[in-house]
């Protein structure tokens, strides 16, 4: 790391949610308790992305119990990436982590992210596939596709990160602003954000994290719909890496 980074004052957790009425109460209760218990100044920005169930009503009820909860509605068009960007546009913090509403990400890992950002890193990336990482009940087909996709990203970008596709990562606000505009409207934002940050010269580190499969609701990621979208975003950032002559790099 080069020059000392500015101290952080507020941690924004950005969480897209579509039809997550059953997952949100345990997810948000555990997250708030962990962050508050660790003394992390925070807000939890949950983005209702066009839910057709009681997600928005549940969020209003949870606001009475969780003072740091700041729910917003994405008016549309909808999509995972669009919901995340909506949350990033509404966040008040100078650092953020993107987390899933289905309790697959560990609140303890979110605290570790915050502390590493506070040490001066621009980005903190978790990996489920390094020593100390853990996956619980990962569907076998999705796991095979995941490992292949991440291998191709590692080779194409010549980076050691082996879990680029995982959404659960943390960034300083300067990184978010420095990587705009975002093109990915769907789950391909999960690769656009970290790859842009790496290509544009922001500092980053990797820690082992845990992941567990959801207990409620249906998974939103549809592999057969995402292949070409992931390829497009990777190709777009790859072209920036090798042909932009550093025009977009961190200054």
C-alpha atoms as a PDB file:
ATOM      1  CA  UNK A   1       0.000   0.000   0.000  1.00  0.00           C
ATOM      2  CA  UNK A   2       1.220   3.500  -0.804  1.00  0.00           C
ATOM      3  CA  UNK A   3      -0.106   6.659   0.870  1.00  0.00           C
ATOM      4  CA  UNK A   4      -2.041   6.233   4.134  1.00  0.00           C
ATOM      5  CA  UNK A   5      -5.750   5.779   3.497  1.00  0.00           C
ATOM      6  CA  UNK A   6      -8.350   8.019   5.121  1.00  0.00           C
ATOM      7  CA  UNK A   7      -9.886   6.670   8.341  1.00  0.00           C
ATOM      8  CA  UNK A   8     -13.338   5.159   7.995  1.00  0.00           C
ATOM      9  CA  UNK A   9     -16.427   6.399   9.832  1.00  0.00           C
ATOM     10  CA  UNK A  10     -19.387   4.301   8.583  1.00  0.00           C
ATOM     11  CA  UNK A  11     -19.762   0.819   7.104  1.00  0.00           C
ATOM     12  CA  UNK A  12     -22.645   0.311   4.682  1.00  0.00           C
ATOM     13  CA  UNK A  13     -23.902  -3.219   4.146  1.00  0.00           C
ATOM     14  CA  UNK A  14     -25.628  -3.321   0.745  1.00  0.00           C
ATOM     15  CA  UNK A  15     -28.049  -6.225   0.414  1.00  0.00           C
ATOM     16  CA  UNK A  16     -30.289  -6.845  -2.608  1.00  0.00           C
ATOM     17  CA  UNK A  17     -33.470  -8.742  -1.771  1.00  0.00           C
ATOM     18  CA  UNK A  18     -36.109 -10.200  -4.067  1.00  0.00           C
ATOM     19  CA  UNK A  19     -38.840 -12.344  -2.504  1.00  0.00           C
ATOM     20  CA  UNK A  20     -36.873 -12.895   0.704  1.00  0.00           C
ATOM     21  CA  UNK A  21     -39.616 -12.479   3.325  1.00  0.00           C
ATOM     22  CA  UNK A  22     -38.562 -15.602   5.229  1.00  0.00           C
ATOM     23  CA  UNK A  23     -34.792 -15.129   5.009  1.00  0.00           C
ATOM     24  CA  UNK A  24     -34.581 -11.474   6.029  1.00  0.00           C
ATOM     25  CA  UNK A  25     -35.557 -11.653   9.732  1.00  0.00           C
ATOM     26  CA  UNK A  26     -32.833 -14.136  10.784  1.00  0.00           C
ATOM     27  CA  UNK A  27     -30.293 -12.669   8.348  1.00  0.00           C
ATOM     28  CA  UNK A  28     -30.688  -9.060   9.487  1.00  0.00           C
ATOM     29  CA  UNK A  29     -31.055  -9.842  13.183  1.00  0.00           C
ATOM     30  CA  UNK A  30     -27.801 -11.829  13.220  1.00  0.00           C
ATOM     31  CA  UNK A  31     -25.962  -9.270  11.084  1.00  0.00           C
ATOM     32  CA  UNK A  32     -26.958  -6.303  13.234  1.00  0.00           C
ATOM     33  CA  UNK A  33     -26.146  -8.133  16.470  1.00  0.00           C
ATOM     34  CA  UNK A  34     -22.687  -9.084  15.196  1.00  0.00           C
ATOM     35  CA  UNK A  35     -21.787  -5.637  13.863  1.00  0.00           C
ATOM     36  CA  UNK A  36     -23.092  -3.860  16.951  1.00  0.00           C
ATOM     37  CA  UNK A  37     -21.362  -6.332  19.235  1.00  0.00           C
ATOM     38  CA  UNK A  38     -18.065  -5.680  17.464  1.00  0.00           C
ATOM     39  CA  UNK A  39     -18.518  -1.920  17.774  1.00  0.00           C
ATOM     40  CA  UNK A  40     -18.743  -1.359  14.007  1.00  0.00           C
ATOM     41  CA  UNK A  41     -20.583   1.867  13.066  1.00  0.00           C
ATOM     42  CA  UNK A  42     -22.887   0.720  10.312  1.00  0.00           C
ATOM     43  CA  UNK A  43     -26.052   0.935   8.274  1.00  0.00           C
ATOM     44  CA  UNK A  44     -27.788  -1.936   6.504  1.00  0.00           C
ATOM     45  CA  UNK A  45     -29.136  -0.861   3.118  1.00  0.00           C
ATOM     46  CA  UNK A  46     -31.551  -3.571   1.964  1.00  0.00           C
ATOM     47  CA  UNK A  47     -32.868  -3.050  -1.555  1.00  0.00           C
ATOM     48  CA  UNK A  48     -36.266  -4.560  -2.266  1.00  0.00           C
ATOM     49  CA  UNK A  49     -35.870  -5.452  -5.942  1.00  0.00           C
ATOM     50  CA  UNK A  50     -39.455  -5.770  -7.122  1.00  0.00           C
ATOM     51  CA  UNK A  51     -40.515  -8.449  -4.652  1.00  0.00           C
ATOM     52  CA  UNK A  52     -43.921 -10.036  -5.068  1.00  0.00           C
ATOM     53  CA  UNK A  53     -44.143 -11.373  -1.522  1.00  0.00           C
ATOM     54  CA  UNK A  54     -44.087  -9.515   1.842  1.00  0.00           C
ATOM     55  CA  UNK A  55     -40.415  -8.495   1.636  1.00  0.00           C
ATOM     56  CA  UNK A  56     -41.127  -4.754   1.875  1.00  0.00           C
ATOM     57  CA  UNK A  57     -43.641  -5.188   4.721  1.00  0.00           C
ATOM     58  CA  UNK A  58     -41.149  -7.385   6.595  1.00  0.00           C
ATOM     59  CA  UNK A  59     -38.465  -4.720   6.202  1.00  0.00           C
ATOM     60  CA  UNK A  60     -40.785  -2.080   7.649  1.00  0.00           C
ATOM     61  CA  UNK A  61     -41.463  -4.341  10.630  1.00  0.00           C
ATOM     62  CA  UNK A  62     -37.751  -5.030  11.134  1.00  0.00           C
ATOM     63  CA  UNK A  63     -36.972  -1.286  11.103  1.00  0.00           C
ATOM     64  CA  UNK A  64     -38.648  -1.053  14.504  1.00  0.00           C
ATOM     65  CA  UNK A  65     -36.215  -3.629  15.902  1.00  0.00           C
ATOM     66  CA  UNK A  66     -33.028  -2.748  14.005  1.00  0.00           C
ATOM     67  CA  UNK A  67     -32.222   0.975  14.225  1.00  0.00           C
ATOM     68  CA  UNK A  68     -29.464   0.793  11.596  1.00  0.00           C
ATOM     69  CA  UNK A  69     -31.716  -0.745   8.940  1.00  0.00           C
ATOM     70  CA  UNK A  70     -32.259   1.568   5.943  1.00  0.00           C
ATOM     71  CA  UNK A  71     -34.485  -0.231   3.397  1.00  0.00           C
ATOM     72  CA  UNK A  72     -35.061   1.196  -0.071  1.00  0.00           C
ATOM     73  CA  UNK A  73     -37.072   0.067  -3.069  1.00  0.00           C
ATOM     74  CA  UNK A  74     -35.615  -0.300  -6.541  1.00  0.00           C
ATOM     75  CA  UNK A  75     -38.386   1.114  -8.749  1.00  0.00           C
ATOM     76  CA  UNK A  76     -37.098  -0.791 -11.766  1.00  0.00           C
ATOM     77  CA  UNK A  77     -35.927  -2.073 -14.042  1.00  0.00           C
ATOM     78  CA  UNK A  78     -35.004  -4.955 -11.769  1.00  0.00           C
ATOM     79  CA  UNK A  79     -32.051  -7.322 -11.652  1.00  0.00           C
ATOM     80  CA  UNK A  80     -29.385  -8.248  -9.109  1.00  0.00           C
ATOM     81  CA  UNK A  81     -26.798  -5.830 -10.472  1.00  0.00           C
ATOM     82  CA  UNK A  82     -29.294  -2.996 -10.732  1.00  0.00           C
ATOM     83  CA  UNK A  83     -30.413  -3.601  -7.144  1.00  0.00           C
ATOM     84  CA  UNK A  84     -26.825  -3.511  -5.879  1.00  0.00           C
ATOM     85  CA  UNK A  85     -26.131  -0.270  -7.760  1.00  0.00           C
ATOM     86  CA  UNK A  86     -29.337   1.173  -6.294  1.00  0.00           C
ATOM     87  CA  UNK A  87     -28.012   0.317  -2.838  1.00  0.00           C
ATOM     88  CA  UNK A  88     -24.593   1.795  -3.608  1.00  0.00           C
ATOM     89  CA  UNK A  89     -26.303   4.995  -4.744  1.00  0.00           C
ATOM     90  CA  UNK A  90     -28.204   5.233  -1.452  1.00  0.00           C
ATOM     91  CA  UNK A  91     -25.435   4.266   0.971  1.00  0.00           C
ATOM     92  CA  UNK A  92     -24.072   6.865   3.389  1.00  0.00           C
ATOM     93  CA  UNK A  93     -20.891   5.044   4.351  1.00  0.00           C
ATOM     94  CA  UNK A  94     -17.320   5.550   3.213  1.00  0.00           C
ATOM     95  CA  UNK A  95     -16.936   1.763   2.953  1.00  0.00           C
ATOM     96  CA  UNK A  96     -19.322  -1.006   2.012  1.00  0.00           C
ATOM     97  CA  UNK A  97     -19.771  -4.746   1.788  1.00  0.00           C
ATOM     98  CA  UNK A  98     -22.183  -6.491  -0.552  1.00  0.00           C
ATOM     99  CA  UNK A  99     -23.980  -9.332   1.211  1.00  0.00           C
ATOM    100  CA  UNK A 100     -26.740 -11.756   0.287  1.00  0.00           C
ATOM    101  CA  UNK A 101     -30.165 -11.722   1.949  1.00  0.00           C
ATOM    102  CA  UNK A 102     -30.297 -15.512   2.329  1.00  0.00           C
ATOM    103  CA  UNK A 103     -27.829 -15.740   5.260  1.00  0.00           C
ATOM    104  CA  UNK A 104     -25.235 -17.485   3.092  1.00  0.00           C
ATOM    105  CA  UNK A 105     -22.564 -14.943   4.110  1.00  0.00           C
ATOM    106  CA  UNK A 106     -21.105 -14.800   7.608  1.00  0.00           C
ATOM    107  CA  UNK A 107     -21.531 -11.604   9.669  1.00  0.00           C
ATOM    108  CA  UNK A 108     -18.218 -12.385  11.379  1.00  0.00           C
ATOM    109  CA  UNK A 109     -16.509 -12.225   7.986  1.00  0.00           C
ATOM    110  CA  UNK A 110     -18.125  -8.822   7.384  1.00  0.00           C
ATOM    111  CA  UNK A 111     -16.477  -7.566  10.580  1.00  0.00           C
ATOM    112  CA  UNK A 112     -13.109  -8.869   9.392  1.00  0.00           C
ATOM    113  CA  UNK A 113     -13.605  -7.040   6.097  1.00  0.00           C
ATOM    114  CA  UNK A 114     -14.249  -3.764   7.946  1.00  0.00           C
ATOM    115  CA  UNK A 115     -11.119  -4.085  10.031  1.00  0.00           C
ATOM    116  CA  UNK A 116      -8.941  -4.768   7.003  1.00  0.00           C
ATOM    117  CA  UNK A 117     -10.418  -1.807   5.142  1.00  0.00           C
ATOM    118  CA  UNK A 118      -9.632   0.242   8.237  1.00  0.00           C
ATOM    119  CA  UNK A 119      -5.997  -0.846   7.980  1.00  0.00           C
ATOM    120  CA  UNK A 120      -5.848   0.885   4.597  1.00  0.00           C
ATOM    121  CA  UNK A 121      -6.797  -1.669   1.961  1.00  0.00           C
ATOM    122  CA  UNK A 122      -9.036  -0.391  -0.842  1.00  0.00           C
ATOM    123  CA  UNK A 123     -10.769  -3.772  -1.299  1.00  0.00           C
ATOM    124  CA  UNK A 124     -11.106  -6.977   0.681  1.00  0.00           C
ATOM    125  CA  UNK A 125     -12.100 -10.103  -1.231  1.00  0.00           C
ATOM    126  CA  UNK A 126     -13.248 -13.255   0.480  1.00  0.00           C
ATOM    127  CA  UNK A 127     -12.542 -16.697  -0.922  1.00  0.00           C
ATOM    128  CA  UNK A 128     -14.325 -19.890  -0.026  1.00  0.00           C
ATOM    129  CA  UNK A 129     -11.610 -21.928  -1.730  1.00  0.00           C
ATOM    130  CA  UNK A 130      -8.403 -21.066   0.130  1.00  0.00           C
ATOM    131  CA  UNK A 131      -7.119 -22.720   3.323  1.00  0.00           C
ATOM    132  CA  UNK A 132      -9.512 -21.774   6.105  1.00  0.00           C
ATOM    133  CA  UNK A 133     -12.446 -21.218   3.721  1.00  0.00           C
ATOM    134  CA  UNK A 134     -15.602 -23.300   3.926  1.00  0.00           C
ATOM    135  CA  UNK A 135     -18.648 -24.170   1.827  1.00  0.00           C
ATOM    136  CA  UNK A 136     -21.681 -25.928   3.293  1.00  0.00           C
ATOM    137  CA  UNK A 137     -24.318 -27.638   1.109  1.00  0.00           C
ATOM    138  CA  UNK A 138     -23.063 -26.181  -2.173  1.00  0.00           C
ATOM    139  CA  UNK A 139     -24.983 -27.829  -5.069  1.00  0.00           C
ATOM    140  CA  UNK A 140     -22.537 -30.061  -6.967  1.00  0.00           C
ATOM    141  CA  UNK A 141     -23.327 -28.835 -10.477  1.00  0.00           C
ATOM    142  CA  UNK A 142     -23.051 -25.203  -9.460  1.00  0.00           C
ATOM    143  CA  UNK A 143     -19.783 -25.934  -7.675  1.00  0.00           C
ATOM    144  CA  UNK A 144     -18.232 -27.444 -10.809  1.00  0.00           C
ATOM    145  CA  UNK A 145     -19.373 -24.516 -12.950  1.00  0.00           C
ATOM    146  CA  UNK A 146     -18.097 -22.086 -10.325  1.00  0.00           C
ATOM    147  CA  UNK A 147     -14.618 -23.581 -10.210  1.00  0.00           C
ATOM    148  CA  UNK A 148     -14.339 -23.650 -14.009  1.00  0.00           C
ATOM    149  CA  UNK A 149     -15.496 -20.045 -14.370  1.00  0.00           C
ATOM    150  CA  UNK A 150     -13.094 -18.821 -11.700  1.00  0.00           C
ATOM    151  CA  UNK A 151     -10.210 -20.744 -13.274  1.00  0.00           C
ATOM    152  CA  UNK A 152     -10.862 -19.043 -16.610  1.00  0.00           C
ATOM    153  CA  UNK A 153     -10.961 -15.616 -14.927  1.00  0.00           C
ATOM    154  CA  UNK A 154      -7.674 -16.307 -13.142  1.00  0.00           C
ATOM    155  CA  UNK A 155      -5.979 -17.279 -16.388  1.00  0.00           C
ATOM    156  CA  UNK A 156      -7.495 -14.494 -18.479  1.00  0.00           C
ATOM    157  CA  UNK A 157      -6.587 -11.737 -16.044  1.00  0.00           C
ATOM    158  CA  UNK A 158      -3.398 -13.315 -14.631  1.00  0.00           C
ATOM    159  CA  UNK A 159      -4.521 -12.837 -11.024  1.00  0.00           C
ATOM    160  CA  UNK A 160      -4.298 -15.169  -8.007  1.00  0.00           C
ATOM    161  CA  UNK A 161      -7.892 -14.519  -6.849  1.00  0.00           C
ATOM    162  CA  UNK A 162      -9.796 -17.813  -7.125  1.00  0.00           C
ATOM    163  CA  UNK A 163     -13.316 -16.727  -6.074  1.00  0.00           C
ATOM    164  CA  UNK A 164     -14.019 -13.691  -8.236  1.00  0.00           C
ATOM    165  CA  UNK A 165     -17.661 -14.636  -8.864  1.00  0.00           C
ATOM    166  CA  UNK A 166     -18.657 -14.504  -5.194  1.00  0.00           C
ATOM    167  CA  UNK A 167     -20.655 -11.328  -4.480  1.00  0.00           C
ATOM    168  CA  UNK A 168     -19.544 -11.019  -0.840  1.00  0.00           C
ATOM    169  CA  UNK A 169     -16.714  -8.479  -1.027  1.00  0.00           C
ATOM    170  CA  UNK A 170     -15.907  -5.123   0.579  1.00  0.00           C
ATOM    171  CA  UNK A 171     -14.756  -1.819  -0.852  1.00  0.00           C
ATOM    172  CA  UNK A 172     -13.922   1.717   0.144  1.00  0.00           C
ATOM    173  CA  UNK A 173     -16.276   4.279  -1.362  1.00  0.00           C
ATOM    174  CA  UNK A 174     -13.375   5.632  -3.417  1.00  0.00           C
ATOM    175  CA  UNK A 175     -13.268   2.286  -5.245  1.00  0.00           C
ATOM    176  CA  UNK A 176     -17.001   2.288  -5.936  1.00  0.00           C
ATOM    177  CA  UNK A 177     -16.840   5.805  -7.332  1.00  0.00           C
ATOM    178  CA  UNK A 178     -13.667   5.024  -9.263  1.00  0.00           C
ATOM    179  CA  UNK A 179     -15.235   2.008 -10.991  1.00  0.00           C
ATOM    180  CA  UNK A 180     -18.383   3.743 -12.245  1.00  0.00           C
ATOM    181  CA  UNK A 181     -20.354   3.472 -14.455  1.00  0.00           C
ATOM    182  CA  UNK A 182     -21.418  -0.125 -13.931  1.00  0.00           C
ATOM    183  CA  UNK A 183     -22.706  -2.014 -16.954  1.00  0.00           C
ATOM    184  CA  UNK A 184     -23.799  -5.359 -15.493  1.00  0.00           C
ATOM    185  CA  UNK A 185     -27.535  -5.465 -14.710  1.00  0.00           C
ATOM    186  CA  UNK A 186     -27.555  -8.995 -13.295  1.00  0.00           C
ATOM    187  CA  UNK A 187     -25.283 -11.313 -11.314  1.00  0.00           C
ATOM    188  CA  UNK A 188     -22.410 -10.458 -13.650  1.00  0.00           C
ATOM    189  CA  UNK A 189     -21.899  -7.359 -11.497  1.00  0.00           C
ATOM    190  CA  UNK A 190     -20.198  -9.740  -9.073  1.00  0.00           C
ATOM    191  CA  UNK A 191     -17.267  -9.998 -11.492  1.00  0.00           C
ATOM    192  CA  UNK A 192     -17.416  -6.488 -12.956  1.00  0.00           C
ATOM    193  CA  UNK A 193     -16.791  -4.786  -9.618  1.00  0.00           C
ATOM    194  CA  UNK A 194     -13.718  -6.708  -8.386  1.00  0.00           C
ATOM    195  CA  UNK A 195     -12.128  -7.027 -11.820  1.00  0.00           C
ATOM    196  CA  UNK A 196     -12.474  -3.303 -12.479  1.00  0.00           C
ATOM    197  CA  UNK A 197     -11.006  -2.538  -9.068  1.00  0.00           C
ATOM    198  CA  UNK A 198      -8.011  -4.789  -9.765  1.00  0.00           C
ATOM    199  CA  UNK A 199      -7.463  -3.533 -13.307  1.00  0.00           C
ATOM    200  CA  UNK A 200      -7.719   0.085 -12.199  1.00  0.00           C
ATOM    201  CA  UNK A 201      -4.983  -0.320  -9.625  1.00  0.00           C
ATOM    202  CA  UNK A 202      -6.781  -0.351  -6.276  1.00  0.00           C
ATOM    203  CA  UNK A 203      -5.127  -2.305  -3.476  1.00  0.00           C
ATOM    204  CA  UNK A 204      -6.707  -5.574  -2.417  1.00  0.00           C
ATOM    205  CA  UNK A 205      -6.229  -8.540  -0.157  1.00  0.00           C
ATOM    206  CA  UNK A 206      -7.909 -11.943   0.206  1.00  0.00           C
ATOM    207  CA  UNK A 207      -9.128 -13.742   3.324  1.00  0.00           C
ATOM    208  CA  UNK A 208     -10.830 -17.113   3.764  1.00  0.00           C
ATOM    209  CA  UNK A 209     -14.588 -16.931   4.312  1.00  0.00           C
ATOM    210  CA  UNK A 210     -17.427 -19.362   4.867  1.00  0.00           C
ATOM    211  CA  UNK A 211     -20.583 -19.879   2.822  1.00  0.00           C
ATOM    212  CA  UNK A 212     -23.701 -21.921   3.524  1.00  0.00           C
ATOM    213  CA  UNK A 213     -26.656 -22.675   1.302  1.00  0.00           C
ATOM    214  CA  UNK A 214     -29.933 -20.891   1.934  1.00  0.00           C
ATOM    215  CA  UNK A 215     -32.577 -22.353   4.237  1.00  0.00           C
ATOM    216  CA  UNK A 216     -35.544 -20.397   2.850  1.00  0.00           C
ATOM    217  CA  UNK A 217     -36.761 -19.424  -0.594  1.00  0.00           C
ATOM    218  CA  UNK A 218     -35.385 -20.120  -4.043  1.00  0.00           C
ATOM    219  CA  UNK A 219     -31.916 -19.261  -5.417  1.00  0.00           C
ATOM    220  CA  UNK A 220     -32.005 -16.337  -7.837  1.00  0.00           C
ATOM    221  CA  UNK A 221     -28.921 -17.197  -9.902  1.00  0.00           C
ATOM    222  CA  UNK A 222     -29.800 -19.182 -13.036  1.00  0.00           C
ATOM    223  CA  UNK A 223     -26.586 -20.564 -14.538  1.00  0.00           C
ATOM    224  CA  UNK A 224     -27.977 -21.169 -18.024  1.00  0.00           C
ATOM    225  CA  UNK A 225     -29.020 -17.511 -18.273  1.00  0.00           C
ATOM    226  CA  UNK A 226     -25.735 -16.046 -17.055  1.00  0.00           C
ATOM    227  CA  UNK A 227     -22.970 -17.605 -19.177  1.00  0.00           C
ATOM    228  CA  UNK A 228     -22.979 -15.071 -21.995  1.00  0.00           C
ATOM    229  CA  UNK A 229     -23.490 -12.193 -19.562  1.00  0.00           C
ATOM    230  CA  UNK A 230     -20.439 -13.173 -17.517  1.00  0.00           C
ATOM    231  CA  UNK A 231     -18.436 -13.549 -20.721  1.00  0.00           C
ATOM    232  CA  UNK A 232     -19.468 -10.093 -21.931  1.00  0.00           C
ATOM    233  CA  UNK A 233     -18.426  -8.371 -18.706  1.00  0.00           C
ATOM    234  CA  UNK A 234     -15.132 -10.267 -18.485  1.00  0.00           C
ATOM    235  CA  UNK A 235     -14.353  -9.409 -22.121  1.00  0.00           C
ATOM    236  CA  UNK A 236     -15.198  -5.758 -21.492  1.00  0.00           C
ATOM    237  CA  UNK A 237     -12.886  -5.456 -18.481  1.00  0.00           C
ATOM    238  CA  UNK A 238     -10.193  -7.578 -20.203  1.00  0.00           C
ATOM    239  CA  UNK A 239     -10.144  -5.087 -23.084  1.00  0.00           C
ATOM    240  CA  UNK A 240      -9.737  -2.264 -20.578  1.00  0.00           C
ATOM    241  CA  UNK A 241      -6.856  -4.082 -18.903  1.00  0.00           C
ATOM    242  CA  UNK A 242      -4.853  -4.642 -22.071  1.00  0.00           C
ATOM    243  CA  UNK A 243      -5.911  -1.824 -24.411  1.00  0.00           C
ATOM    244  CA  UNK A 244      -6.967   1.278 -22.424  1.00  0.00           C
ATOM    245  CA  UNK A 245      -3.354   2.389 -21.811  1.00  0.00           C
ATOM    246  CA  UNK A 246      -4.161   3.093 -18.156  1.00  0.00           C
ATOM    247  CA  UNK A 247      -6.767   5.782 -18.870  1.00  0.00           C
ATOM    248  CA  UNK A 248      -9.023   4.565 -16.054  1.00  0.00           C
ATOM    249  CA  UNK A 249      -6.434   3.663 -13.435  1.00  0.00           C
ATOM    250  CA  UNK A 250      -6.523   4.963  -9.883  1.00  0.00           C
ATOM    251  CA  UNK A 251      -4.855   8.372  -9.622  1.00  0.00           C
END
